[in-house]
Amino acid sequence: MKNVLVTGANGQLARCIEKAASAFPELALHMASREILDIEDQDAILNYLREHGIDICINTAAYTAVDKAESEKEQAFAVNASAVKALAGSCASNNIPLIHVSTDYVFDGTKTSPYQVTDPVNPINVYGASKLAGEQYVQELCSRYFIVRTSWLYSEYGHNFFKTILKHANAGNPLTITTEQLGSPTNANDLAVALLTIANSGSNAYGVYHFSNEGEATWYDFAEAILEESGQLASTDLAKTDHYRTFAERPAYSILDNTEIYGEFGITPIHWRESLKTLFVENNNHK
């Protein structure tokens, strides 16, 4: 058995990891919420790693409120950078590989072809800058790391676009959704499987990877697909806008090139539309 520490245990991605774990019997997950382990406290991390005999760490803890980050810069950097520094340092001193989840927001969105792992980073908001700082700490302090950037995460857990659209549709609210940004809606359940696959692989192909579902969509396209799959498209007043004001600037283009993660870990590409359909089927089956 391999002991795997998963930080941010209350978040949507960690909950998806916990759900996916049954397919990885060789991994024993240690789910740590902030109440159990303060990852800004290096001594607490070191004690936890030793007490539980941790073999590998998956860091899903993150400050993800993109708009609020503009006015809560200190908080965003505390979680996305300082805490990552403490975690990376602790993993490094114990020679434990760290799998760290990052974001498409480290890029500025000015490209028109999928972002490669080697493309220059240039965040355009506080959230992106804080996540980039976290990446840099991992690279600086760890020799054994996998940084996995992802995009437009959603699932049946937590707060996300998918759940917000369903909530408004169920309440009969009209929806006006932006067509300004192009990205790949990514089912956090698929990312969870990818992260556990890396943890289970024993690979030493350390470095930066991208993982998202395949295909591209605007937020409007994604909303339309959610309503279609839920059978609420005809009954919902859905409109598009090419200018939707937000507090934080967002990358206009967020498509990630996933070639490396597929090739290295044998992960199968799944189109975002197919994955969305699967989520509805699974949730209906569990009702």
C-alpha atoms as a PDB file:
ATOM      1  CA  MET A   1       0.000   0.000   0.000  1.00  0.00           C
ATOM      2  CA  LYS A   2       1.075   3.542  -0.773  1.00  0.00           C
ATOM      3  CA  ASN A   3       0.015   6.229   1.730  1.00  0.00           C
ATOM      4  CA  VAL A   4      -1.287   9.289  -0.124  1.00  0.00           C
ATOM      5  CA  LEU A   5      -1.911  12.622   1.609  1.00  0.00           C
ATOM      6  CA  VAL A   6      -4.700  14.612  -0.081  1.00  0.00           C
ATOM      7  CA  THR A   7      -4.905  18.216   1.142  1.00  0.00           C
ATOM      8  CA  GLY A   8      -7.982  20.413   0.796  1.00  0.00           C
ATOM      9  CA  ALA A   9     -10.219  17.469   1.708  1.00  0.00           C
ATOM     10  CA  ASN A  10     -13.446  19.503   1.736  1.00  0.00           C
ATOM     11  CA  GLY A  11     -12.988  20.859  -1.801  1.00  0.00           C
ATOM     12  CA  GLN A  12     -14.681  19.526  -4.925  1.00  0.00           C
ATOM     13  CA  LEU A  13     -11.531  17.963  -6.388  1.00  0.00           C
ATOM     14  CA  ALA A  14     -10.585  16.146  -3.179  1.00  0.00           C
ATOM     15  CA  ARG A  15     -14.121  14.798  -2.901  1.00  0.00           C
ATOM     16  CA  CYS A  16     -13.844  13.502  -6.475  1.00  0.00           C
ATOM     17  CA  ILE A  17     -10.484  11.890  -5.574  1.00  0.00           C
ATOM     18  CA  GLU A  18     -12.091  10.172  -2.600  1.00  0.00           C
ATOM     19  CA  LYS A  19     -14.912   8.938  -4.866  1.00  0.00           C
ATOM     20  CA  ALA A  20     -12.448   7.628  -7.498  1.00  0.00           C
ATOM     21  CA  ALA A  21     -10.191   5.881  -4.971  1.00  0.00           C
ATOM     22  CA  SER A  22     -12.033   2.541  -5.090  1.00  0.00           C
ATOM     23  CA  ALA A  23     -10.469   1.952  -8.523  1.00  0.00           C
ATOM     24  CA  PHE A  24      -6.993   2.280  -6.957  1.00  0.00           C
ATOM     25  CA  PRO A  25      -6.843  -0.358  -4.165  1.00  0.00           C
ATOM     26  CA  GLU A  26      -3.046   0.041  -3.899  1.00  0.00           C
ATOM     27  CA  LEU A  27      -3.499   3.599  -2.589  1.00  0.00           C
ATOM     28  CA  ALA A  28      -4.471   4.419   1.006  1.00  0.00           C
ATOM     29  CA  LEU A  29      -5.820   7.970   1.062  1.00  0.00           C
ATOM     30  CA  HIS A  30      -5.289  10.300   4.024  1.00  0.00           C
ATOM     31  CA  MET A  31      -7.831  13.079   3.486  1.00  0.00           C
ATOM     32  CA  ALA A  32      -6.745  16.221   5.327  1.00  0.00           C
ATOM     33  CA  SER A  33      -8.961  19.274   5.603  1.00  0.00           C
ATOM     34  CA  ARG A  34      -7.638  22.552   7.009  1.00  0.00           C
ATOM     35  CA  GLU A  35      -9.100  21.565  10.410  1.00  0.00           C
ATOM     36  CA  ILE A  36      -6.944  18.423  10.412  1.00  0.00           C
ATOM     37  CA  LEU A  37      -3.815  19.901   8.848  1.00  0.00           C
ATOM     38  CA  ASP A  38      -2.906  23.569   8.454  1.00  0.00           C
ATOM     39  CA  ILE A  39      -0.698  23.496   5.379  1.00  0.00           C
ATOM     40  CA  GLU A  40       0.645  26.954   6.177  1.00  0.00           C
ATOM     41  CA  ASP A  41       2.319  25.402   9.239  1.00  0.00           C
ATOM     42  CA  GLN A  42       5.485  23.587   8.160  1.00  0.00           C
ATOM     43  CA  ASP A  43       6.013  21.863  11.516  1.00  0.00           C
ATOM     44  CA  ALA A  44       2.459  20.512  11.439  1.00  0.00           C
ATOM     45  CA  ILE A  45       3.027  19.188   7.903  1.00  0.00           C
ATOM     46  CA  LEU A  46       6.322  17.514   8.818  1.00  0.00           C
ATOM     47  CA  ASN A  47       4.712  15.830  11.832  1.00  0.00           C
ATOM     48  CA  TYR A  48       1.768  14.639   9.738  1.00  0.00           C
ATOM     49  CA  LEU A  49       4.004  13.213   6.996  1.00  0.00           C
ATOM     50  CA  ARG A  50       6.054  11.235   9.515  1.00  0.00           C
ATOM     51  CA  GLU A  51       3.183  10.080  11.737  1.00  0.00           C
ATOM     52  CA  HIS A  52       1.191   8.706   8.793  1.00  0.00           C
ATOM     53  CA  GLY A  53       4.143   7.374   6.776  1.00  0.00           C
ATOM     54  CA  ILE A  54       3.104   9.396   3.736  1.00  0.00           C
ATOM     55  CA  ASP A  55       4.620   8.202   0.442  1.00  0.00           C
ATOM     56  CA  ILE A  56       3.188  10.832  -1.918  1.00  0.00           C
ATOM     57  CA  CYS A  57       1.185  14.040  -1.563  1.00  0.00           C
ATOM     58  CA  ILE A  58      -1.592  15.453  -3.772  1.00  0.00           C
ATOM     59  CA  ASN A  59      -2.225  19.138  -3.077  1.00  0.00           C
ATOM     60  CA  THR A  60      -5.762  20.179  -4.009  1.00  0.00           C
ATOM     61  CA  ALA A  61      -6.021  22.943  -1.383  1.00  0.00           C
ATOM     62  CA  ALA A  62      -6.542  26.290  -3.113  1.00  0.00           C
ATOM     63  CA  TYR A  63      -8.089  29.723  -2.897  1.00  0.00           C
ATOM     64  CA  THR A  64     -10.275  29.717  -6.031  1.00  0.00           C
ATOM     65  CA  ALA A  65     -12.531  32.796  -5.740  1.00  0.00           C
ATOM     66  CA  VAL A  66     -11.152  34.567  -8.821  1.00  0.00           C
ATOM     67  CA  ASP A  67     -13.049  37.858  -8.430  1.00  0.00           C
ATOM     68  CA  LYS A  68     -12.666  38.082  -4.651  1.00  0.00           C
ATOM     69  CA  ALA A  69      -8.912  37.495  -5.010  1.00  0.00           C
ATOM     70  CA  GLU A  70      -8.591  40.982  -6.510  1.00  0.00           C
ATOM     71  CA  SER A  71      -9.549  42.489  -3.134  1.00  0.00           C
ATOM     72  CA  GLU A  72      -8.235  39.604  -1.000  1.00  0.00           C
ATOM     73  CA  LYS A  73      -4.754  39.378  -2.486  1.00  0.00           C
ATOM     74  CA  GLU A  74      -3.079  38.521   0.821  1.00  0.00           C
ATOM     75  CA  GLN A  75      -5.457  35.621   1.429  1.00  0.00           C
ATOM     76  CA  ALA A  76      -5.083  34.276  -2.115  1.00  0.00           C
ATOM     77  CA  PHE A  77      -1.283  34.312  -1.859  1.00  0.00           C
ATOM     78  CA  ALA A  78      -1.368  32.785   1.642  1.00  0.00           C
ATOM     79  CA  VAL A  79      -3.194  29.680   0.382  1.00  0.00           C
ATOM     80  CA  ASN A  80      -1.950  29.450  -3.209  1.00  0.00           C
ATOM     81  CA  ALA A  81       1.684  30.433  -2.611  1.00  0.00           C
ATOM     82  CA  SER A  82       2.831  30.515   1.066  1.00  0.00           C
ATOM     83  CA  ALA A  83       1.060  27.276   2.015  1.00  0.00           C
ATOM     84  CA  VAL A  84       2.408  25.607  -1.139  1.00  0.00           C
ATOM     85  CA  LYS A  85       5.907  26.744  -0.173  1.00  0.00           C
ATOM     86  CA  ALA A  86       5.534  25.105   3.266  1.00  0.00           C
ATOM     87  CA  LEU A  87       4.112  21.911   1.754  1.00  0.00           C
ATOM     88  CA  ALA A  88       6.766  21.720  -0.977  1.00  0.00           C
ATOM     89  CA  GLY A  89       9.556  22.264   1.549  1.00  0.00           C
ATOM     90  CA  SER A  90       8.158  19.560   3.828  1.00  0.00           C
ATOM     91  CA  CYS A  91       7.799  17.058   0.975  1.00  0.00           C
ATOM     92  CA  ALA A  92      11.309  17.845  -0.262  1.00  0.00           C
ATOM     93  CA  SER A  93      12.920  17.336   3.162  1.00  0.00           C
ATOM     94  CA  ASN A  94      11.221  13.922   3.393  1.00  0.00           C
ATOM     95  CA  ASN A  95      11.934  13.024  -0.250  1.00  0.00           C
ATOM     96  CA  ILE A  96       8.194  12.656  -0.904  1.00  0.00           C
ATOM     97  CA  PRO A  97       6.878  13.348  -4.436  1.00  0.00           C
ATOM     98  CA  LEU A  98       4.361  16.197  -4.609  1.00  0.00           C
ATOM     99  CA  ILE A  99       1.503  16.345  -7.109  1.00  0.00           C
ATOM    100  CA  HIS A 100       0.358  19.964  -7.196  1.00  0.00           C
ATOM    101  CA  VAL A 101      -2.781  21.138  -9.004  1.00  0.00           C
ATOM    102  CA  SER A 102      -2.498  24.444 -10.866  1.00  0.00           C
ATOM    103  CA  THR A 103      -4.502  26.365 -13.440  1.00  0.00           C
ATOM    104  CA  ASP A 104      -4.838  27.658 -17.001  1.00  0.00           C
ATOM    105  CA  TYR A 105      -4.940  31.140 -15.414  1.00  0.00           C
ATOM    106  CA  VAL A 106      -1.123  31.205 -15.268  1.00  0.00           C
ATOM    107  CA  PHE A 107      -1.429  32.135 -18.980  1.00  0.00           C
ATOM    108  CA  ASP A 108      -2.685  35.457 -20.370  1.00  0.00           C
ATOM    109  CA  GLY A 109      -5.062  33.904 -22.924  1.00  0.00           C
ATOM    110  CA  THR A 110      -3.639  35.747 -25.945  1.00  0.00           C
ATOM    111  CA  LYS A 111      -2.824  32.553 -27.898  1.00  0.00           C
ATOM    112  CA  THR A 112      -5.178  31.060 -30.466  1.00  0.00           C
ATOM    113  CA  SER A 113      -3.786  27.520 -30.349  1.00  0.00           C
ATOM    114  CA  PRO A 114      -3.628  25.172 -27.336  1.00  0.00           C
ATOM    115  CA  TYR A 115      -1.189  26.125 -24.584  1.00  0.00           C
ATOM    116  CA  GLN A 116       1.874  23.872 -24.346  1.00  0.00           C
ATOM    117  CA  VAL A 117       3.478  23.151 -20.972  1.00  0.00           C
ATOM    118  CA  THR A 118       6.530  25.102 -22.169  1.00  0.00           C
ATOM    119  CA  ASP A 119       4.664  28.267 -23.205  1.00  0.00           C
ATOM    120  CA  PRO A 120       5.572  31.483 -21.348  1.00  0.00           C
ATOM    121  CA  VAL A 121       3.407  32.220 -18.313  1.00  0.00           C
ATOM    122  CA  ASN A 122       1.879  35.662 -17.837  1.00  0.00           C
ATOM    123  CA  PRO A 123      -1.076  35.792 -15.422  1.00  0.00           C
ATOM    124  CA  ILE A 124      -3.487  38.718 -15.815  1.00  0.00           C
ATOM    125  CA  ASN A 125      -5.244  38.549 -12.440  1.00  0.00           C
ATOM    126  CA  VAL A 126      -4.374  38.051  -8.754  1.00  0.00           C
ATOM    127  CA  TYR A 127      -5.649  34.470  -8.690  1.00  0.00           C
ATOM    128  CA  GLY A 128      -3.419  33.509 -11.647  1.00  0.00           C
ATOM    129  CA  ALA A 129      -0.428  35.295 -10.106  1.00  0.00           C
ATOM    130  CA  SER A 130      -0.922  33.502  -6.774  1.00  0.00           C
ATOM    131  CA  LYS A 131      -1.157  30.104  -8.482  1.00  0.00           C
ATOM    132  CA  LEU A 132       1.969  30.838 -10.519  1.00  0.00           C
ATOM    133  CA  ALA A 133       3.853  31.755  -7.324  1.00  0.00           C
ATOM    134  CA  GLY A 134       2.814  28.359  -5.922  1.00  0.00           C
ATOM    135  CA  GLU A 135       4.137  26.595  -9.028  1.00  0.00           C
ATOM    136  CA  GLN A 136       7.432  28.438  -8.690  1.00  0.00           C
ATOM    137  CA  TYR A 137       7.850  27.390  -5.054  1.00  0.00           C
ATOM    138  CA  VAL A 138       7.236  23.756  -6.011  1.00  0.00           C
ATOM    139  CA  GLN A 139       9.846  23.928  -8.782  1.00  0.00           C
ATOM    140  CA  GLU A 140      12.327  25.751  -6.584  1.00  0.00           C
ATOM    141  CA  LEU A 141      12.045  23.491  -3.524  1.00  0.00           C
ATOM    142  CA  CYS A 142      11.181  20.036  -4.906  1.00  0.00           C
ATOM    143  CA  SER A 143      13.092  17.785  -7.250  1.00  0.00           C
ATOM    144  CA  ARG A 144      10.249  15.234  -7.274  1.00  0.00           C
ATOM    145  CA  TYR A 145       7.103  17.037  -8.395  1.00  0.00           C
ATOM    146  CA  PHE A 146       4.231  16.857 -10.859  1.00  0.00           C
ATOM    147  CA  ILE A 147       2.498  20.174 -11.490  1.00  0.00           C
ATOM    148  CA  VAL A 148      -0.834  19.507 -13.214  1.00  0.00           C
ATOM    149  CA  ARG A 149      -2.571  22.553 -14.706  1.00  0.00           C
ATOM    150  CA  THR A 150      -6.266  22.223 -15.407  1.00  0.00           C
ATOM    151  CA  SER A 151      -9.143  24.411 -16.580  1.00  0.00           C
ATOM    152  CA  TRP A 152     -12.828  25.203 -15.970  1.00  0.00           C
ATOM    153  CA  LEU A 153     -13.344  22.538 -13.278  1.00  0.00           C
ATOM    154  CA  TYR A 154     -16.845  21.404 -12.375  1.00  0.00           C
ATOM    155  CA  SER A 155     -18.491  18.423 -10.666  1.00  0.00           C
ATOM    156  CA  GLU A 156     -21.459  17.490  -8.510  1.00  0.00           C
ATOM    157  CA  TYR A 157     -19.552  18.822  -5.488  1.00  0.00           C
ATOM    158  CA  GLY A 158     -18.803  22.308  -4.199  1.00  0.00           C
ATOM    159  CA  HIS A 159     -19.491  25.644  -5.879  1.00  0.00           C
ATOM    160  CA  ASN A 160     -18.979  25.698  -9.655  1.00  0.00           C
ATOM    161  CA  PHE A 161     -20.535  26.848 -12.933  1.00  0.00           C
ATOM    162  CA  PHE A 162     -22.304  23.529 -13.543  1.00  0.00           C
ATOM    163  CA  LYS A 163     -24.149  23.658 -10.210  1.00  0.00           C
ATOM    164  CA  THR A 164     -24.896  27.380 -10.530  1.00  0.00           C
ATOM    165  CA  ILE A 165     -26.559  26.920 -13.940  1.00  0.00           C
ATOM    166  CA  LEU A 166     -28.713  24.056 -12.635  1.00  0.00           C
ATOM    167  CA  LYS A 167     -29.682  26.062  -9.540  1.00  0.00           C
ATOM    168  CA  HIS A 168     -30.836  29.045 -11.631  1.00  0.00           C
ATOM    169  CA  ALA A 169     -32.640  26.824 -14.146  1.00  0.00           C
ATOM    170  CA  ASN A 170     -34.449  24.997 -11.341  1.00  0.00           C
ATOM    171  CA  ALA A 171     -35.510  28.353  -9.901  1.00  0.00           C
ATOM    172  CA  GLY A 172     -36.799  29.503 -13.310  1.00  0.00           C
ATOM    173  CA  ASN A 173     -34.326  32.386 -13.496  1.00  0.00           C
ATOM    174  CA  PRO A 174     -33.316  33.853 -16.898  1.00  0.00           C
ATOM    175  CA  LEU A 175     -29.637  33.360 -17.754  1.00  0.00           C
ATOM    176  CA  THR A 176     -27.285  35.613 -19.726  1.00  0.00           C
ATOM    177  CA  ILE A 177     -23.954  33.868 -20.326  1.00  0.00           C
ATOM    178  CA  THR A 178     -20.744  35.170 -21.862  1.00  0.00           C
ATOM    179  CA  THR A 179     -19.276  34.077 -25.196  1.00  0.00           C
ATOM    180  CA  GLU A 180     -16.051  36.034 -24.537  1.00  0.00           C
ATOM    181  CA  GLN A 181     -13.899  33.157 -23.280  1.00  0.00           C
ATOM    182  CA  LEU A 182     -12.959  29.873 -24.924  1.00  0.00           C
ATOM    183  CA  GLY A 183     -11.865  26.915 -22.808  1.00  0.00           C
ATOM    184  CA  SER A 184     -12.345  23.235 -22.012  1.00  0.00           C
ATOM    185  CA  PRO A 185     -14.923  22.469 -19.314  1.00  0.00           C
ATOM    186  CA  THR A 186     -13.234  19.773 -17.234  1.00  0.00           C
ATOM    187  CA  ASN A 187     -15.043  17.238 -15.086  1.00  0.00           C
ATOM    188  CA  ALA A 188     -13.179  17.128 -11.743  1.00  0.00           C
ATOM    189  CA  ASN A 189     -13.942  13.393 -11.602  1.00  0.00           C
ATOM    190  CA  ASP A 190     -11.752  12.887 -14.685  1.00  0.00           C
ATOM    191  CA  LEU A 191      -8.972  15.012 -13.190  1.00  0.00           C
ATOM    192  CA  ALA A 192      -9.227  12.971  -9.961  1.00  0.00           C
ATOM    193  CA  VAL A 193      -8.623   9.748 -11.903  1.00  0.00           C
ATOM    194  CA  ALA A 194      -5.665  11.351 -13.699  1.00  0.00           C
ATOM    195  CA  LEU A 195      -4.083  12.450 -10.398  1.00  0.00           C
ATOM    196  CA  LEU A 196      -4.527   9.018  -8.810  1.00  0.00           C
ATOM    197  CA  THR A 197      -3.085   7.425 -11.959  1.00  0.00           C
ATOM    198  CA  ILE A 198       0.050   9.574 -11.525  1.00  0.00           C
ATOM    199  CA  ALA A 199       0.229   8.776  -7.793  1.00  0.00           C
ATOM    200  CA  ASN A 200      -0.077   5.061  -8.515  1.00  0.00           C
ATOM    201  CA  SER A 201       2.388   5.009 -11.406  1.00  0.00           C
ATOM    202  CA  GLY A 202       5.670   5.243  -9.505  1.00  0.00           C
ATOM    203  CA  SER A 203       6.845   7.401 -12.414  1.00  0.00           C
ATOM    204  CA  ASN A 204       9.826   9.699 -12.083  1.00  0.00           C
ATOM    205  CA  ALA A 205       8.886  11.717 -15.183  1.00  0.00           C
ATOM    206  CA  TYR A 206       8.671  14.823 -13.019  1.00  0.00           C
ATOM    207  CA  GLY A 207       7.678  18.207 -14.391  1.00  0.00           C
ATOM    208  CA  VAL A 208       4.720  20.270 -15.577  1.00  0.00           C
ATOM    209  CA  TYR A 209       1.675  18.661 -17.220  1.00  0.00           C
ATOM    210  CA  HIS A 210      -1.675  19.835 -18.543  1.00  0.00           C
ATOM    211  CA  PHE A 211      -4.948  18.008 -18.026  1.00  0.00           C
ATOM    212  CA  SER A 212      -8.377  19.046 -19.256  1.00  0.00           C
ATOM    213  CA  ASN A 213     -11.212  17.391 -21.095  1.00  0.00           C
ATOM    214  CA  GLU A 214     -10.926  17.542 -24.879  1.00  0.00           C
ATOM    215  CA  GLY A 215     -12.727  19.978 -27.161  1.00  0.00           C
ATOM    216  CA  GLU A 216     -13.531  23.638 -26.677  1.00  0.00           C
ATOM    217  CA  ALA A 217     -16.501  25.718 -25.617  1.00  0.00           C
ATOM    218  CA  THR A 218     -17.528  29.181 -24.521  1.00  0.00           C
ATOM    219  CA  TRP A 219     -19.260  29.513 -21.153  1.00  0.00           C
ATOM    220  CA  TYR A 220     -22.485  29.951 -23.166  1.00  0.00           C
ATOM    221  CA  ASP A 221     -21.863  26.649 -24.990  1.00  0.00           C
ATOM    222  CA  PHE A 222     -21.253  24.943 -21.662  1.00  0.00           C
ATOM    223  CA  ALA A 223     -24.434  26.399 -20.120  1.00  0.00           C
ATOM    224  CA  GLU A 224     -26.462  25.332 -23.151  1.00  0.00           C
ATOM    225  CA  ALA A 225     -25.086  21.773 -22.908  1.00  0.00           C
ATOM    226  CA  ILE A 226     -25.852  21.584 -19.161  1.00  0.00           C
ATOM    227  CA  LEU A 227     -29.452  22.671 -19.783  1.00  0.00           C
ATOM    228  CA  GLU A 228     -29.793  20.269 -22.701  1.00  0.00           C
ATOM    229  CA  GLU A 229     -28.528  17.292 -20.653  1.00  0.00           C
ATOM    230  CA  SER A 230     -30.813  18.222 -17.737  1.00  0.00           C
ATOM    231  CA  GLY A 231     -33.838  18.530 -20.043  1.00  0.00           C
ATOM    232  CA  GLN A 232     -34.298  22.222 -19.175  1.00  0.00           C
ATOM    233  CA  LEU A 233     -33.082  23.955 -22.346  1.00  0.00           C
ATOM    234  CA  ALA A 234     -36.549  24.610 -23.770  1.00  0.00           C
ATOM    235  CA  SER A 235     -37.922  25.914 -20.469  1.00  0.00           C
ATOM    236  CA  THR A 236     -35.007  28.233 -19.622  1.00  0.00           C
ATOM    237  CA  ASP A 237     -34.635  31.796 -20.890  1.00  0.00           C
ATOM    238  CA  LEU A 238     -31.000  31.579 -22.060  1.00  0.00           C
ATOM    239  CA  ALA A 239     -29.249  34.491 -23.778  1.00  0.00           C
ATOM    240  CA  LYS A 240     -25.660  35.151 -24.807  1.00  0.00           C
ATOM    241  CA  THR A 241     -23.563  38.261 -24.314  1.00  0.00           C
ATOM    242  CA  ASP A 242     -20.168  39.152 -25.764  1.00  0.00           C
ATOM    243  CA  HIS A 243     -19.395  41.394 -22.808  1.00  0.00           C
ATOM    244  CA  TYR A 244     -19.910  40.182 -19.267  1.00  0.00           C
ATOM    245  CA  ARG A 245     -18.357  42.420 -16.625  1.00  0.00           C
ATOM    246  CA  THR A 246     -16.320  40.695 -13.933  1.00  0.00           C
ATOM    247  CA  PHE A 247     -14.092  42.140 -11.242  1.00  0.00           C
ATOM    248  CA  ALA A 248     -11.042  40.151 -12.364  1.00  0.00           C
ATOM    249  CA  GLU A 249      -9.796  40.051 -15.928  1.00  0.00           C
ATOM    250  CA  ARG A 250      -9.911  36.531 -17.367  1.00  0.00           C
ATOM    251  CA  PRO A 251      -7.923  34.838 -20.160  1.00  0.00           C
ATOM    252  CA  ALA A 252      -9.889  34.940 -23.434  1.00  0.00           C
ATOM    253  CA  TYR A 253      -8.405  31.613 -24.551  1.00  0.00           C
ATOM    254  CA  SER A 254      -7.731  28.732 -22.139  1.00  0.00           C
ATOM    255  CA  ILE A 255      -7.348  25.565 -24.216  1.00  0.00           C
ATOM    256  CA  LEU A 256      -4.571  23.338 -22.858  1.00  0.00           C
ATOM    257  CA  ASP A 257      -2.482  20.855 -24.847  1.00  0.00           C
ATOM    258  CA  ASN A 258      -2.641  17.550 -22.933  1.00  0.00           C
ATOM    259  CA  THR A 259      -0.245  15.525 -25.099  1.00  0.00           C
ATOM    260  CA  GLU A 260       2.372  14.924 -22.389  1.00  0.00           C
ATOM    261  CA  ILE A 261       0.038  13.542 -19.723  1.00  0.00           C
ATOM    262  CA  TYR A 262      -1.643  11.185 -22.201  1.00  0.00           C
ATOM    263  CA  GLY A 263       1.684   9.899 -23.490  1.00  0.00           C
ATOM    264  CA  GLU A 264       3.446   9.522 -20.149  1.00  0.00           C
ATOM    265  CA  PHE A 265       0.615   8.020 -18.083  1.00  0.00           C
ATOM    266  CA  GLY A 266      -1.595   6.361 -20.710  1.00  0.00           C
ATOM    267  CA  ILE A 267      -4.544   8.560 -19.781  1.00  0.00           C
ATOM    268  CA  THR A 268      -7.394   8.398 -22.300  1.00  0.00           C
ATOM    269  CA  PRO A 269      -8.680  11.717 -23.697  1.00  0.00           C
ATOM    270  CA  ILE A 270     -12.379  12.342 -22.982  1.00  0.00           C
ATOM    271  CA  HIS A 271     -14.377  15.035 -24.804  1.00  0.00           C
ATOM    272  CA  TRP A 272     -15.994  17.551 -22.417  1.00  0.00           C
ATOM    273  CA  ARG A 273     -19.470  16.922 -23.870  1.00  0.00           C
ATOM    274  CA  GLU A 274     -19.151  13.167 -23.328  1.00  0.00           C
ATOM    275  CA  SER A 275     -17.918  13.666 -19.769  1.00  0.00           C
ATOM    276  CA  LEU A 276     -20.801  16.019 -18.981  1.00  0.00           C
ATOM    277  CA  LYS A 277     -23.261  13.411 -20.251  1.00  0.00           C
ATOM    278  CA  THR A 278     -21.581  10.756 -18.066  1.00  0.00           C
ATOM    279  CA  LEU A 279     -21.927  12.944 -14.976  1.00  0.00           C
ATOM    280  CA  PHE A 280     -25.676  13.284 -15.511  1.00  0.00           C
ATOM    281  CA  VAL A 281     -26.061   9.540 -16.078  1.00  0.00           C
ATOM    282  CA  GLU A 282     -24.053   8.695 -12.924  1.00  0.00           C
ATOM    283  CA  ASN A 283     -25.950  11.180 -10.768  1.00  0.00           C
ATOM    284  CA  ASN A 284     -29.335   9.980 -12.053  1.00  0.00           C
ATOM    285  CA  ASN A 285     -28.322   6.402 -11.280  1.00  0.00           C
ATOM    286  CA  HIS A 286     -27.407   7.344  -7.707  1.00  0.00           C
ATOM    287  CA  LYS A 287     -30.631   9.191  -6.916  1.00  0.00           C
END
